[in-house]
N, C-alpha and C. Protein backbone atom coordinates (compact mmCIF):
# COMPACT_ATOMS: atom_id res chain seq x y z
N MET A 1 -6.83 67.93 -45.71
CA MET A 1 -8.14 67.16 -46.63
C MET A 1 -9.57 66.49 -46.15
N SER A 2 -10.64 66.93 -46.64
CA SER A 2 -11.59 66.74 -46.55
C SER A 2 -11.73 65.01 -45.73
N GLN A 3 -12.87 64.79 -44.78
CA GLN A 3 -13.17 63.30 -44.29
C GLN A 3 -14.22 63.28 -44.80
N PHE A 4 -14.89 62.32 -45.67
CA PHE A 4 -16.01 61.93 -45.99
C PHE A 4 -16.95 60.57 -45.46
N VAL A 5 -17.91 60.85 -45.49
CA VAL A 5 -18.51 60.04 -44.57
C VAL A 5 -19.74 59.51 -45.47
N ILE A 6 -19.65 58.63 -45.38
CA ILE A 6 -21.02 57.83 -47.01
C ILE A 6 -22.41 57.10 -45.59
N VAL A 7 -23.58 57.40 -45.90
CA VAL A 7 -24.46 57.17 -45.05
C VAL A 7 -25.04 55.64 -46.24
N LEU A 8 -24.92 54.49 -45.55
CA LEU A 8 -25.51 53.76 -46.52
C LEU A 8 -26.83 52.77 -45.69
N GLY A 9 -27.64 52.78 -46.91
CA GLY A 9 -29.02 52.27 -46.16
C GLY A 9 -30.21 52.41 -47.78
N PRO A 10 -31.12 51.17 -47.60
CA PRO A 10 -32.35 51.21 -48.55
C PRO A 10 -32.93 52.81 -48.15
N TRP A 11 -33.96 52.78 -49.55
CA TRP A 11 -34.97 53.71 -48.86
C TRP A 11 -35.73 53.01 -47.74
N SER A 12 -35.83 54.43 -46.63
CA SER A 12 -36.92 53.67 -45.83
C SER A 12 -36.35 52.92 -44.60
N SER A 13 -34.91 53.37 -44.67
CA SER A 13 -34.07 52.78 -43.32
C SER A 13 -34.05 53.63 -42.54
N GLY A 14 -34.06 54.91 -42.73
CA GLY A 14 -33.93 55.99 -41.45
C GLY A 14 -32.30 56.45 -41.91
N THR A 15 -31.96 56.59 -43.33
CA THR A 15 -31.11 57.15 -44.03
C THR A 15 -31.33 58.51 -43.83
N THR A 16 -32.14 58.89 -44.03
CA THR A 16 -32.60 60.39 -44.17
C THR A 16 -32.18 61.06 -42.74
N ALA A 17 -32.77 60.46 -41.81
CA ALA A 17 -32.54 61.16 -40.49
C ALA A 17 -30.88 60.91 -39.58
N VAL A 18 -30.12 59.97 -40.32
CA VAL A 18 -28.69 60.03 -40.08
C VAL A 18 -27.99 61.23 -40.80
N ALA A 19 -28.39 61.17 -41.98
CA ALA A 19 -27.95 62.41 -42.82
C ALA A 19 -28.06 63.69 -41.94
N GLY A 20 -29.52 64.15 -41.75
CA GLY A 20 -29.96 65.10 -41.01
C GLY A 20 -29.10 65.30 -39.65
N ALA A 21 -28.53 64.40 -38.86
CA ALA A 21 -28.18 64.89 -37.83
C ALA A 21 -26.63 65.00 -38.33
N LEU A 22 -26.08 64.45 -39.27
CA LEU A 22 -24.86 64.79 -39.71
C LEU A 22 -24.80 65.84 -39.66
N ASP A 23 -26.17 66.56 -40.36
CA ASP A 23 -25.39 68.30 -40.73
C ASP A 23 -25.82 68.56 -39.68
N LYS A 24 -26.99 68.40 -38.63
CA LYS A 24 -27.04 69.64 -37.52
C LYS A 24 -25.68 69.45 -36.45
N LEU A 25 -24.48 68.09 -37.01
CA LEU A 25 -23.43 68.21 -35.80
C LEU A 25 -22.33 68.53 -36.58
N GLY A 26 -22.53 69.44 -38.20
CA GLY A 26 -21.54 70.49 -38.63
C GLY A 26 -20.68 69.89 -39.91
N ALA A 27 -21.26 68.62 -40.40
CA ALA A 27 -21.16 68.04 -41.42
C ALA A 27 -21.66 68.88 -42.69
N TYR A 28 -20.55 68.72 -43.77
CA TYR A 28 -21.33 69.62 -45.21
C TYR A 28 -22.08 68.37 -45.45
N THR A 29 -23.17 68.75 -45.85
CA THR A 29 -23.63 67.80 -46.86
C THR A 29 -24.20 68.00 -48.35
N CYS A 30 -24.03 69.24 -48.95
CA CYS A 30 -23.57 69.65 -50.02
C CYS A 30 -24.90 69.86 -50.97
N PRO A 31 -25.92 70.91 -50.15
CA PRO A 31 -26.62 71.63 -50.86
C PRO A 31 -26.55 72.08 -52.12
N PRO A 32 -27.90 72.43 -52.80
CA PRO A 32 -29.10 71.93 -52.33
C PRO A 32 -29.46 70.32 -52.33
N HIS A 33 -30.66 70.51 -51.37
CA HIS A 33 -30.96 68.70 -51.23
C HIS A 33 -31.91 68.50 -52.23
N HIS A 34 -32.66 67.71 -52.02
CA HIS A 34 -34.00 66.94 -52.67
C HIS A 34 -34.68 67.13 -51.89
N ARG A 35 -36.13 67.69 -52.29
CA ARG A 35 -37.45 67.88 -51.76
C ARG A 35 -38.17 66.56 -52.24
N THR A 36 -39.16 66.26 -50.95
CA THR A 36 -39.63 64.97 -51.01
C THR A 36 -41.30 65.55 -50.94
N PRO A 37 -42.28 64.37 -51.29
CA PRO A 37 -43.63 65.34 -50.83
C PRO A 37 -44.49 64.63 -49.92
N ASP A 38 -43.47 63.43 -49.12
CA ASP A 38 -44.05 63.57 -47.68
C ASP A 38 -43.38 64.13 -46.62
N PRO A 39 -44.87 64.87 -45.68
CA PRO A 39 -44.38 65.51 -44.95
C PRO A 39 -43.57 65.27 -43.62
N ARG A 40 -43.33 63.69 -42.85
CA ARG A 40 -42.40 63.56 -42.37
C ARG A 40 -40.88 63.88 -42.76
N THR A 41 -40.81 63.56 -43.65
CA THR A 41 -39.37 63.78 -44.55
C THR A 41 -39.12 64.54 -45.37
N PRO A 42 -39.56 65.91 -45.34
CA PRO A 42 -39.45 66.96 -46.26
C PRO A 42 -38.23 66.54 -47.23
N THR A 43 -37.19 66.78 -46.50
CA THR A 43 -35.97 67.17 -47.24
C THR A 43 -35.52 65.48 -47.06
N SER A 44 -34.88 65.36 -48.36
CA SER A 44 -33.93 63.93 -48.21
C SER A 44 -32.29 63.88 -47.48
N PHE A 45 -32.14 65.41 -47.76
CA PHE A 45 -30.36 65.15 -47.74
C PHE A 45 -29.82 64.64 -48.21
N GLU A 46 -30.84 64.26 -49.82
CA GLU A 46 -29.54 63.59 -50.82
C GLU A 46 -29.52 65.36 -51.65
N PRO A 47 -28.40 65.12 -51.94
CA PRO A 47 -28.03 66.62 -52.70
C PRO A 47 -28.37 66.32 -54.46
N GLU A 48 -29.05 67.47 -54.75
CA GLU A 48 -29.93 67.33 -56.34
C GLU A 48 -28.75 66.70 -57.15
N GLU A 49 -27.41 67.75 -57.38
CA GLU A 49 -26.80 67.47 -58.61
C GLU A 49 -26.13 65.94 -58.46
N LEU A 50 -25.97 65.50 -57.57
CA LEU A 50 -25.78 63.72 -57.09
C LEU A 50 -26.89 63.36 -57.58
N ARG A 51 -27.87 63.15 -57.70
CA ARG A 51 -28.98 62.62 -58.05
C ARG A 51 -29.73 62.96 -59.46
N THR A 52 -28.86 63.93 -60.34
CA THR A 52 -28.67 63.80 -61.57
C THR A 52 -27.54 63.00 -62.49
N ILE A 53 -26.63 62.95 -61.75
CA ILE A 53 -25.31 62.28 -62.35
C ILE A 53 -25.89 60.88 -62.37
N LEU A 54 -26.24 60.10 -60.30
CA LEU A 54 -26.77 59.12 -60.69
C LEU A 54 -27.66 58.61 -61.54
N ALA A 55 -28.53 59.41 -62.21
CA ALA A 55 -29.72 59.02 -63.13
C ALA A 55 -28.90 58.78 -64.21
N GLN A 56 -27.99 59.39 -64.81
CA GLN A 56 -27.70 58.90 -65.91
C GLN A 56 -27.12 57.74 -66.55
N TYR A 57 -26.29 56.95 -64.95
CA TYR A 57 -25.55 55.96 -64.92
C TYR A 57 -26.23 54.46 -64.28
N VAL A 58 -27.44 54.76 -62.79
CA VAL A 58 -28.06 53.72 -62.33
C VAL A 58 -29.11 53.50 -63.34
N ASN A 59 -30.10 52.37 -63.04
CA ASN A 59 -31.39 51.88 -63.40
C ASN A 59 -31.98 51.53 -62.21
N GLU A 60 -32.35 52.90 -61.54
CA GLU A 60 -33.11 52.71 -60.39
C GLU A 60 -33.90 51.73 -60.16
N PRO A 61 -34.99 51.15 -61.08
CA PRO A 61 -35.79 50.37 -60.60
C PRO A 61 -35.46 48.78 -60.96
N GLN A 62 -34.31 48.68 -61.11
CA GLN A 62 -33.81 47.44 -61.33
C GLN A 62 -32.52 47.15 -60.78
N LEU A 63 -32.39 48.56 -60.24
CA LEU A 63 -31.16 48.03 -59.32
C LEU A 63 -29.97 48.20 -59.87
N GLY A 64 -29.13 48.58 -60.89
CA GLY A 64 -28.10 47.70 -61.35
C GLY A 64 -27.70 49.23 -61.98
N ILE A 65 -26.28 49.27 -62.09
CA ILE A 65 -25.60 50.16 -63.03
C ILE A 65 -25.39 49.76 -64.43
N ALA A 66 -25.96 50.86 -65.03
CA ALA A 66 -26.45 50.88 -66.75
C ALA A 66 -25.04 51.59 -67.56
N GLY A 67 -24.16 52.23 -66.83
CA GLY A 67 -23.56 53.29 -67.54
C GLY A 67 -22.10 52.44 -67.22
N ASP A 68 -21.10 53.32 -67.18
CA ASP A 68 -19.41 52.85 -67.39
C ASP A 68 -19.26 53.69 -65.55
N ARG A 69 -18.94 52.83 -64.86
CA ARG A 69 -18.84 52.99 -63.44
C ARG A 69 -17.44 54.07 -63.40
N MET A 70 -16.57 54.08 -64.20
CA MET A 70 -15.37 54.79 -63.59
C MET A 70 -15.86 56.08 -64.45
N LYS A 71 -16.41 56.65 -65.49
CA LYS A 71 -17.19 57.45 -65.61
C LYS A 71 -17.80 58.63 -64.51
N MET A 72 -18.68 57.43 -64.07
CA MET A 72 -19.64 58.38 -63.20
C MET A 72 -19.08 58.70 -61.60
N MET A 73 -18.13 57.61 -61.50
CA MET A 73 -17.28 58.20 -60.05
C MET A 73 -16.34 59.39 -60.80
N HIS A 74 -15.85 59.29 -62.35
CA HIS A 74 -15.12 61.10 -62.27
C HIS A 74 -16.04 61.76 -62.09
N ASP A 75 -17.09 61.92 -62.78
CA ASP A 75 -18.32 62.67 -62.78
C ASP A 75 -19.17 63.25 -61.09
N ILE A 76 -18.78 61.97 -60.31
CA ILE A 76 -18.90 62.69 -59.07
C ILE A 76 -17.93 63.45 -58.16
N GLY A 77 -16.80 62.82 -58.32
CA GLY A 77 -15.42 63.64 -58.49
C GLY A 77 -15.10 65.13 -58.86
N THR A 78 -15.80 65.42 -59.71
CA THR A 78 -15.56 66.58 -60.25
C THR A 78 -17.00 67.55 -59.82
N TRP A 79 -17.92 67.11 -60.00
CA TRP A 79 -18.82 67.83 -58.92
C TRP A 79 -18.80 67.93 -57.39
N LEU A 80 -18.09 67.25 -56.75
CA LEU A 80 -17.71 67.56 -55.65
C LEU A 80 -16.67 68.48 -55.44
N GLN A 81 -15.49 68.20 -55.74
CA GLN A 81 -14.28 69.48 -56.36
C GLN A 81 -14.86 71.02 -56.42
N ARG A 82 -16.10 70.24 -57.30
CA ARG A 82 -16.76 72.18 -57.61
C ARG A 82 -17.74 72.50 -56.32
N THR A 83 -18.49 71.65 -55.83
CA THR A 83 -19.27 72.04 -55.10
C THR A 83 -18.59 72.07 -53.31
N VAL A 84 -17.97 71.85 -53.13
CA VAL A 84 -17.55 71.45 -51.37
C VAL A 84 -16.43 72.90 -51.72
N PRO A 85 -16.76 73.94 -50.38
CA PRO A 85 -16.07 74.77 -50.34
C PRO A 85 -14.50 74.53 -50.00
N PRO A 86 -13.54 75.42 -50.07
CA PRO A 86 -12.42 75.29 -50.01
C PRO A 86 -12.35 74.78 -48.79
N GLU A 87 -12.78 75.59 -47.88
CA GLU A 87 -12.28 75.54 -46.22
C GLU A 87 -12.63 74.17 -45.83
N ILE A 88 -13.56 73.28 -46.43
CA ILE A 88 -14.28 72.35 -46.08
C ILE A 88 -13.47 70.98 -46.76
N GLN A 89 -12.99 71.41 -48.19
CA GLN A 89 -11.87 70.56 -48.81
C GLN A 89 -10.80 70.17 -47.80
N GLN A 90 -10.25 71.52 -47.31
CA GLN A 90 -9.10 71.61 -46.53
C GLN A 90 -9.49 70.28 -45.02
N SER A 91 -9.99 70.63 -44.41
CA SER A 91 -10.01 70.39 -43.23
C SER A 91 -11.30 69.93 -42.60
N GLY A 92 -12.84 69.67 -43.38
CA GLY A 92 -14.00 69.61 -43.20
C GLY A 92 -14.59 68.05 -43.08
N VAL A 93 -15.84 67.57 -42.65
CA VAL A 93 -16.34 66.13 -42.69
C VAL A 93 -17.21 66.69 -43.78
N VAL A 94 -17.62 66.04 -44.80
CA VAL A 94 -18.38 65.89 -45.64
C VAL A 94 -19.14 64.87 -45.67
N ALA A 95 -20.61 64.55 -45.38
CA ALA A 95 -21.33 63.47 -45.43
C ALA A 95 -22.03 63.61 -46.81
N MET A 96 -22.91 62.26 -47.34
CA MET A 96 -23.50 62.20 -48.11
C MET A 96 -24.16 60.90 -47.99
N LYS A 97 -25.43 60.90 -48.69
CA LYS A 97 -25.98 59.76 -48.65
C LYS A 97 -27.05 59.54 -49.77
N HIS A 98 -27.23 58.16 -50.11
CA HIS A 98 -28.38 57.99 -51.13
C HIS A 98 -28.69 56.41 -51.26
N PRO A 99 -29.68 56.00 -51.45
CA PRO A 99 -29.73 54.28 -51.60
C PRO A 99 -28.91 53.87 -52.63
N LEU A 100 -28.99 54.71 -53.36
CA LEU A 100 -27.74 53.61 -54.71
C LEU A 100 -26.29 53.44 -54.51
N PHE A 101 -25.70 54.41 -53.23
CA PHE A 101 -24.50 54.00 -52.98
C PHE A 101 -24.52 52.87 -52.48
N GLY A 102 -25.20 52.11 -51.82
CA GLY A 102 -25.47 50.61 -52.13
C GLY A 102 -24.70 49.77 -52.58
N LEU A 103 -24.58 49.84 -54.15
CA LEU A 103 -24.07 49.47 -55.46
C LEU A 103 -22.39 49.56 -56.00
N MET A 104 -22.32 50.96 -55.07
CA MET A 104 -21.04 51.15 -55.93
C MET A 104 -20.20 51.55 -54.32
N VAL A 105 -20.07 50.44 -53.45
CA VAL A 105 -19.12 50.87 -52.46
C VAL A 105 -17.53 50.57 -52.44
N PRO A 106 -17.15 49.52 -53.47
CA PRO A 106 -16.03 49.48 -54.40
C PRO A 106 -15.50 50.82 -54.64
N GLN A 107 -16.13 51.08 -55.40
CA GLN A 107 -15.93 52.85 -55.95
C GLN A 107 -15.66 53.60 -54.85
N LEU A 108 -16.80 54.19 -54.23
CA LEU A 108 -16.44 54.82 -53.58
C LEU A 108 -15.13 54.93 -52.19
N ILE A 109 -14.55 53.70 -52.23
CA ILE A 109 -13.52 53.40 -51.31
C ILE A 109 -12.87 53.77 -52.01
N SER A 110 -12.49 53.76 -53.41
CA SER A 110 -11.12 54.26 -54.16
C SER A 110 -11.02 55.44 -54.27
N LEU A 111 -11.88 56.32 -54.47
CA LEU A 111 -12.48 57.44 -54.82
C LEU A 111 -12.43 58.59 -53.65
N LEU A 112 -12.77 57.90 -52.75
CA LEU A 112 -13.09 58.78 -51.57
C LEU A 112 -12.22 58.46 -50.01
N ARG A 113 -11.70 57.16 -50.08
CA ARG A 113 -11.86 56.76 -48.70
C ARG A 113 -12.09 57.11 -47.02
N PRO A 114 -13.73 56.87 -47.92
CA PRO A 114 -14.79 57.65 -46.68
C PRO A 114 -14.82 56.39 -45.25
N LYS A 115 -15.40 56.88 -44.45
CA LYS A 115 -16.22 56.28 -43.17
C LYS A 115 -17.10 55.90 -43.65
N PHE A 116 -17.85 55.00 -43.17
CA PHE A 116 -19.18 54.13 -43.71
C PHE A 116 -19.80 53.96 -42.02
N LEU A 117 -21.08 54.74 -42.69
CA LEU A 117 -22.18 54.46 -41.68
C LEU A 117 -23.27 53.76 -42.09
N VAL A 118 -23.78 52.82 -41.55
CA VAL A 118 -24.82 51.94 -42.00
C VAL A 118 -25.90 51.57 -41.34
N VAL A 119 -26.93 52.70 -41.93
CA VAL A 119 -28.26 52.54 -41.26
C VAL A 119 -29.14 50.88 -41.27
N ARG A 120 -29.34 50.31 -40.27
CA ARG A 120 -30.18 49.27 -40.35
C ARG A 120 -31.55 49.61 -39.70
N ARG A 121 -32.18 48.84 -40.30
CA ARG A 121 -34.27 48.94 -39.89
C ARG A 121 -34.59 47.80 -40.47
N PRO A 122 -35.20 47.09 -39.07
CA PRO A 122 -36.37 45.62 -39.97
C PRO A 122 -37.13 45.86 -40.88
N TYR A 123 -36.86 44.84 -41.96
CA TYR A 123 -37.80 44.74 -43.36
C TYR A 123 -39.40 45.04 -43.11
N GLY A 124 -40.08 44.67 -41.98
CA GLY A 124 -41.17 45.13 -41.67
C GLY A 124 -41.70 46.71 -41.94
N ASP A 125 -40.84 47.45 -40.74
CA ASP A 125 -40.88 48.70 -41.00
C ASP A 125 -40.52 49.43 -42.03
N ILE A 126 -39.28 48.83 -43.22
CA ILE A 126 -39.37 49.49 -44.30
C ILE A 126 -40.20 49.14 -45.04
N GLU A 127 -41.09 48.24 -44.98
CA GLU A 127 -42.02 47.93 -46.16
C GLU A 127 -43.50 48.54 -45.72
N ARG A 128 -43.80 48.80 -44.29
CA ARG A 128 -44.78 49.58 -44.30
C ARG A 128 -44.29 51.06 -44.52
N THR A 129 -43.37 51.71 -44.82
CA THR A 129 -43.14 52.87 -44.79
C THR A 129 -43.39 53.07 -46.32
N ARG A 130 -42.75 52.07 -46.67
CA ARG A 130 -43.21 52.09 -48.78
C ARG A 130 -44.26 52.21 -48.86
N ILE A 131 -45.33 51.20 -48.17
CA ILE A 131 -46.54 51.33 -48.51
C ILE A 131 -47.38 52.52 -47.86
N ARG A 132 -46.89 53.40 -47.06
CA ARG A 132 -47.75 54.70 -46.45
C ARG A 132 -47.19 55.44 -47.41
N ARG A 133 -46.08 55.44 -47.88
CA ARG A 133 -45.66 56.67 -49.33
C ARG A 133 -46.25 56.04 -50.42
N GLN A 134 -47.14 55.05 -51.10
CA GLN A 134 -47.43 54.39 -52.49
C GLN A 134 -45.93 53.86 -53.10
N TRP A 135 -45.22 53.41 -52.38
CA TRP A 135 -44.00 53.61 -53.62
C TRP A 135 -43.90 52.50 -53.96
N PRO A 136 -43.47 51.97 -55.39
CA PRO A 136 -43.37 50.78 -55.74
C PRO A 136 -42.22 49.76 -55.00
N ALA A 137 -42.53 48.41 -55.67
CA ALA A 137 -42.23 47.49 -54.33
C ALA A 137 -40.63 47.57 -53.97
N ILE A 138 -39.83 47.99 -55.19
CA ILE A 138 -38.63 47.86 -55.16
C ILE A 138 -37.72 48.81 -54.19
N TYR A 139 -38.47 49.70 -54.07
CA TYR A 139 -38.30 50.58 -52.60
C TYR A 139 -39.00 49.99 -51.01
N GLY A 140 -39.05 48.91 -51.07
CA GLY A 140 -39.26 48.37 -50.01
C GLY A 140 -38.62 46.88 -49.43
N TYR A 141 -39.16 46.35 -49.30
CA TYR A 141 -38.60 44.97 -48.41
C TYR A 141 -37.90 44.53 -49.70
N LEU A 142 -38.32 44.38 -50.88
CA LEU A 142 -37.39 43.96 -51.88
C LEU A 142 -36.03 44.33 -51.85
N GLY A 143 -35.88 46.12 -51.98
CA GLY A 143 -34.93 46.60 -52.71
C GLY A 143 -34.08 46.73 -51.29
N ALA A 144 -34.41 46.64 -50.39
CA ALA A 144 -34.00 46.62 -48.88
C ALA A 144 -32.89 45.28 -49.00
N ARG A 145 -33.44 44.16 -49.05
CA ARG A 145 -32.93 43.03 -49.54
C ARG A 145 -31.46 42.68 -49.69
N LEU A 146 -31.38 43.51 -50.99
CA LEU A 146 -30.40 43.61 -52.40
C LEU A 146 -29.63 44.39 -52.07
N LEU A 147 -30.17 45.65 -51.37
CA LEU A 147 -28.94 46.68 -51.07
C LEU A 147 -28.15 46.50 -49.75
N TYR A 148 -28.82 46.10 -48.87
CA TYR A 148 -28.62 45.65 -47.62
C TYR A 148 -27.15 43.72 -47.78
N GLY A 149 -27.85 43.22 -48.82
CA GLY A 149 -27.02 42.40 -48.63
C GLY A 149 -25.45 42.62 -49.73
N SER A 150 -26.02 43.72 -50.54
CA SER A 150 -24.55 44.67 -51.53
C SER A 150 -23.93 45.25 -50.70
N ILE A 151 -24.25 45.66 -49.50
CA ILE A 151 -24.02 46.65 -48.36
C ILE A 151 -22.83 45.92 -47.81
N TYR A 152 -23.24 44.68 -47.37
CA TYR A 152 -22.15 44.32 -46.50
C TYR A 152 -21.53 43.29 -46.70
N HIS A 153 -21.52 42.79 -48.32
CA HIS A 153 -20.72 41.64 -49.04
C HIS A 153 -19.62 42.58 -49.30
N ASP A 154 -20.13 43.52 -49.65
CA ASP A 154 -18.34 44.79 -50.53
C ASP A 154 -17.96 45.07 -48.89
N LEU A 155 -18.15 45.81 -47.88
CA LEU A 155 -17.92 46.36 -46.68
C LEU A 155 -16.36 44.82 -45.90
N VAL A 156 -17.62 43.72 -46.17
CA VAL A 156 -17.05 42.85 -45.86
C VAL A 156 -15.78 42.16 -45.84
N GLY A 157 -15.96 42.06 -47.88
CA GLY A 157 -15.02 41.42 -48.55
C GLY A 157 -13.72 42.57 -48.88
N TYR A 158 -14.21 44.03 -48.40
CA TYR A 158 -12.85 45.07 -48.66
C TYR A 158 -12.09 45.14 -47.71
N ASP A 159 -12.79 44.31 -46.09
CA ASP A 159 -11.95 44.56 -45.05
C ASP A 159 -12.18 45.70 -44.52
N MET A 160 -13.50 46.66 -44.68
CA MET A 160 -13.52 47.88 -44.66
C MET A 160 -13.94 48.02 -42.63
N ASN A 161 -13.50 49.04 -42.14
CA ASN A 161 -14.09 49.30 -40.73
C ASN A 161 -15.58 50.59 -41.01
N PHE A 162 -16.29 49.77 -40.11
CA PHE A 162 -17.69 50.48 -40.05
C PHE A 162 -18.68 50.86 -39.27
N MET A 163 -19.46 51.79 -39.29
CA MET A 163 -20.40 52.00 -37.80
C MET A 163 -21.82 51.55 -38.38
N ASP A 164 -22.26 50.18 -37.58
CA ASP A 164 -23.74 50.00 -37.64
C ASP A 164 -24.46 50.98 -36.80
N VAL A 165 -25.85 51.60 -37.25
CA VAL A 165 -26.61 52.72 -36.95
C VAL A 165 -27.92 51.56 -36.86
N SER A 166 -28.97 51.14 -35.80
CA SER A 166 -29.85 50.91 -35.73
C SER A 166 -30.89 52.00 -35.46
N TYR A 167 -31.64 51.96 -36.85
CA TYR A 167 -32.64 53.24 -36.92
C TYR A 167 -33.41 53.25 -34.89
N PRO A 168 -33.89 52.12 -35.26
CA PRO A 168 -34.83 51.87 -34.10
C PRO A 168 -34.41 52.25 -32.76
N GLU A 169 -33.32 52.18 -32.69
CA GLU A 169 -32.16 53.10 -31.43
C GLU A 169 -32.04 54.41 -31.41
N VAL A 170 -31.72 54.86 -32.78
CA VAL A 170 -31.82 56.29 -33.02
C VAL A 170 -33.13 56.72 -32.11
N LEU A 171 -33.89 56.34 -32.46
CA LEU A 171 -35.68 56.75 -32.13
C LEU A 171 -35.77 56.35 -30.61
N THR A 172 -35.11 55.60 -30.16
CA THR A 172 -35.47 55.37 -28.30
C THR A 172 -34.25 55.89 -27.92
N ASN A 173 -33.55 55.84 -28.20
CA ASN A 173 -32.18 56.17 -27.56
C ASN A 173 -31.23 57.17 -28.06
N PRO A 174 -31.68 58.30 -28.64
CA PRO A 174 -31.33 58.83 -29.78
C PRO A 174 -30.12 60.26 -29.06
N GLU A 175 -29.90 60.11 -28.10
CA GLU A 175 -28.66 61.16 -27.00
C GLU A 175 -27.29 59.92 -27.09
N ARG A 176 -27.65 58.84 -27.34
CA ARG A 176 -26.83 57.95 -27.22
C ARG A 176 -26.05 57.44 -28.52
N GLU A 177 -27.10 57.43 -29.43
CA GLU A 177 -26.69 56.92 -30.57
C GLU A 177 -26.23 58.49 -31.24
N ILE A 178 -26.54 59.34 -31.52
CA ILE A 178 -26.13 60.86 -31.82
C ILE A 178 -24.69 60.88 -30.91
N ASP A 179 -24.16 60.62 -29.66
CA ASP A 179 -22.95 60.40 -29.13
C ASP A 179 -22.06 59.98 -30.56
N ARG A 180 -22.75 58.78 -30.39
CA ARG A 180 -21.51 57.39 -31.04
C ARG A 180 -21.62 57.79 -32.53
N ILE A 181 -22.77 58.81 -33.12
CA ILE A 181 -22.37 59.08 -34.35
C ILE A 181 -21.21 60.06 -34.86
N ALA A 182 -21.67 61.42 -33.65
CA ALA A 182 -20.63 62.03 -33.90
C ALA A 182 -19.26 61.96 -33.71
N GLU A 183 -19.02 60.71 -32.89
CA GLU A 183 -17.53 60.47 -31.89
C GLU A 183 -17.52 59.63 -33.53
N TYR A 184 -17.68 58.76 -34.25
CA TYR A 184 -16.78 58.20 -35.03
C TYR A 184 -16.64 59.01 -36.29
N ALA A 185 -17.89 59.87 -36.63
CA ALA A 185 -17.69 60.77 -37.90
C ALA A 185 -16.48 62.05 -37.42
N GLY A 186 -16.16 62.31 -36.54
CA GLY A 186 -15.23 63.31 -35.82
C GLY A 186 -15.90 64.85 -35.99
N LEU A 187 -17.14 64.62 -35.21
CA LEU A 187 -17.76 65.71 -35.48
C LEU A 187 -18.03 66.32 -34.01
N ASP A 188 -18.24 67.61 -33.93
CA ASP A 188 -18.95 68.13 -33.15
C ASP A 188 -18.57 68.01 -31.68
N LYS A 189 -16.86 68.46 -31.40
CA LYS A 189 -16.13 67.30 -30.36
C LYS A 189 -16.44 68.55 -29.03
N ASP A 190 -16.80 69.73 -29.25
CA ASP A 190 -17.50 70.11 -27.81
C ASP A 190 -18.52 69.95 -27.65
N GLY A 191 -19.39 69.15 -28.38
CA GLY A 191 -21.22 68.71 -27.90
C GLY A 191 -21.90 70.02 -28.02
N LYS A 192 -21.60 71.06 -28.74
CA LYS A 192 -22.56 72.51 -28.74
C LYS A 192 -23.67 71.96 -29.24
N LEU A 193 -23.36 70.74 -30.16
CA LEU A 193 -24.42 70.57 -31.59
C LEU A 193 -25.20 69.39 -31.09
N ARG A 194 -25.05 68.81 -30.53
CA ARG A 194 -25.45 67.87 -30.26
C ARG A 194 -27.06 67.64 -29.98
N SER A 195 -27.75 68.61 -29.18
CA SER A 195 -28.88 68.71 -28.92
C SER A 195 -29.78 69.14 -30.02
N ALA A 196 -29.22 69.95 -30.89
CA ALA A 196 -29.72 70.01 -32.39
C ALA A 196 -29.86 68.61 -33.11
N ALA A 197 -28.87 67.97 -33.15
CA ALA A 197 -28.97 66.90 -33.91
C ALA A 197 -29.96 65.63 -32.91
N VAL A 198 -30.14 65.76 -31.63
CA VAL A 198 -31.20 64.97 -30.94
C VAL A 198 -32.88 65.36 -31.45
N ASP A 199 -32.78 66.61 -31.05
CA ASP A 199 -34.09 67.50 -31.49
C ASP A 199 -34.46 66.92 -33.05
N PHE A 200 -33.24 66.92 -33.94
CA PHE A 200 -33.64 66.49 -35.37
C PHE A 200 -34.46 65.27 -35.61
N VAL A 201 -33.59 64.11 -34.61
CA VAL A 201 -34.19 62.75 -34.94
C VAL A 201 -35.69 62.62 -34.38
N ARG A 202 -35.58 63.47 -33.30
CA ARG A 202 -36.71 63.26 -32.70
C ARG A 202 -38.25 64.16 -33.14
N ARG A 203 -37.95 64.28 -34.31
CA ARG A 203 -39.39 64.84 -34.59
C ARG A 203 -40.17 64.51 -35.66
């Protein structure tokens, strides 16, 4: 049975770096991934089909679920059954990330029984990245406050174990942080893929 690892965090928080590191460590990240116009992060590691599903149920600019939550999770489950290879379904690690996952932690617990990685980054850094990308306000400090509030409220409320990942620490101490992530996710037990993951977050 697959072990799911869900990366939680708002836009511009470093979730792409962490999801990419999980990919380099051997997790299945459900390609194809959405491509972005930002040369620093050309691949978002957000599955294209997942984005299509979420767009049907979530009002992204208002950070609200606009449709039937149960139907949304049913559609996500059906997509995963179709897209995850049989050998990964039997014993692999599936890693996924999308900022909107921060609104649906209880449903993800019920559907996937995942491990959660929460990527933290200071609000000022998030807002500066939003400005550089010329994104609307919800994708910076404003959205980060709302999403972090929802994430921690639900993880604590459901008494879930989770791993906090400081994005500044990933950048300054990548070897140590990649070791922590790999151990928590149950990946790369022989350590052969660590250097590729470290190189990815350093680039």
